[in-house]
Amino acid sequence: MVTVANCFEDMSCKDLNITDENLRSFLVDVVNTLQNELGNNLAAIILHGSLAMGTFYAPKSDVDLLVLVQDTSGEQARRLYDLFEQLHACRPYVGGLEVSVIKLADARSPKHPMPYLVHFSETTIRCQPWPDGVLPTDEDLIAHLTVARQHGRSLYGSQNMIGELPWPAYLASVRSDIDWILCDENILKSPYYGILNLCRWAMMAETPERIVPGKDEAGIWALSHLPEILRASVTQALAAYRSTDWPQTISDRQQSGGPWHRESLIRFRDYMRSHYGNEKHMS
């Protein structure tokens, strides 16, 4: 079995700066649970997102995992979903546990949208069925794979199992979330999330290199690159993201950092729509 010591000494975990012992132990429990259930079918467990990138804030951030497997059955997929529900219920932080289980073969030859075997998050309701053996797909998954390939940390196996990812596919995956934020008044539903993700899209557009920035990094960039009139909203979003206040509900977390002013949020949305609302500036 994996222990706290050897999990964070092996592979790319050795310099993963997690000082919270409860969080470290939680990750070890996740690894041990998956090893017990999957056995030799387990190829890799890759931590990605804010925790892997060093910008994890327990009151806001999720723990994001990709689980690569040789294969699994529909019955085992349902068991895995139940295990993720149990692990999510005992997490030592406020944000959710988000896990995608995908076939190793698909990870080595990724395409958009990506098929998956199991997807769990705090907003999913049940394990998705596979009608006639056809796997469901996820618009966001190629973006998760891109982050994992560039910034991921292996908790088990190797993150090098993820194949070359086409940049247009990554943009299309991210774009689906950006389109949602820019649509109607969706930015009002979770202002700090919407603002920082739009900053990330703008940073990618304005940077010649192909980069995969995190929310924190993009917010800092925006403070020196966006118009002055928008910077107060970015400052408020960063403060909300970094806050140590522990919200009690999902709704509280979505509205963290408030009160938010509708006029400022709509102004921010409209600026992003007009300057970054299409992909012609991306290559």
Foldseek 3Di string as FASTA:
>chain_A
DDDLVVLCCDFQNVPQDDPPPLQSRLVVVVVVVCCVLQPPQWAFKKWFACSLVVNDFQQFDETEIETEGQDDDLVSLQVVQVVLVVSQVPRPGQAKYWYWYAYLVCQAVPDPQGFTQAIDIPPDDGGDDQVVNNGDTALQVLLRLVRRLVRMTISDHDNVSGHDRDPVSNCRSLVVVLVQVLPDPNCQQQVLVSLLSLLQLVVCLPDPDRDRDHSLVSLVVCCPPPDPLLNVSSVLSNCQNNPNDRDDDPSCNSCGSDPDDSVSSVVSSVVSCVPPVDCPSPD
